[in-house]
């Protein structure tokens, strides 16, 4: 194998990894808690 073929194979694996790898998305909870109103307004 020459360098061009190796690059082509690596690029193919990279494309497959990007297409099929689905990362787990960590999001903040939707259960927000309101705090007392301050001079800056209402906050949750």
Protein backbone atom coordinates (compact mmCIF):
# COMPACT_ATOMS: atom_id res chain seq x y z
CA UNK A 1 0.00 0.00 0.00
CA UNK A 2 1.23 3.43 -0.77
CA UNK A 3 0.61 6.60 1.21
CA UNK A 4 -2.34 7.64 -0.98
CA UNK A 5 -4.21 4.39 -0.25
CA UNK A 6 -3.53 4.65 3.49
CA UNK A 7 -4.89 8.21 3.55
CA UNK A 8 -7.96 7.09 1.61
CA UNK A 9 -8.68 4.23 4.03
CA UNK A 10 -8.21 6.47 7.08
CA UNK A 11 -10.48 9.11 5.59
CA UNK A 12 -13.13 6.46 4.91
CA UNK A 13 -13.00 5.24 8.52
CA UNK A 14 -13.25 8.83 9.75
CA UNK A 15 -16.33 9.47 7.61
CA UNK A 16 -17.98 6.27 8.87
CA UNK A 17 -17.18 7.20 12.46
CA UNK A 18 -18.70 10.65 12.05
CA UNK A 19 -21.83 9.26 10.37
CA UNK A 20 -22.57 6.43 12.78
CA UNK A 21 -21.24 7.67 16.13
CA UNK A 22 -24.01 9.35 18.09
CA UNK A 23 -22.68 11.06 21.19
CA UNK A 24 -24.80 11.18 24.31
CA UNK A 25 -25.92 14.75 24.88
CA UNK A 26 -25.91 15.90 28.48
CA UNK A 27 -28.42 18.68 29.12
CA UNK A 28 -29.43 20.61 32.18
CA UNK A 29 -32.54 19.54 34.04
CA UNK A 30 -35.86 21.16 33.16
CA UNK A 31 -36.80 21.27 36.83
CA UNK A 32 -35.77 24.82 37.59
CA UNK A 33 -36.22 26.37 41.02
CA UNK A 34 -37.20 30.01 41.39
CA UNK A 35 -35.23 32.14 43.84
CA UNK A 36 -36.50 35.28 45.56
CA UNK A 37 -36.79 38.35 43.34
CA UNK A 38 -33.83 40.74 43.65
CA UNK A 39 -32.97 44.18 42.37
CA UNK A 40 -31.90 42.53 39.09
CA UNK A 41 -35.29 40.88 38.48
CA UNK A 42 -36.67 37.39 38.73
CA UNK A 43 -34.26 34.47 38.45
CA UNK A 44 -34.79 30.74 38.04
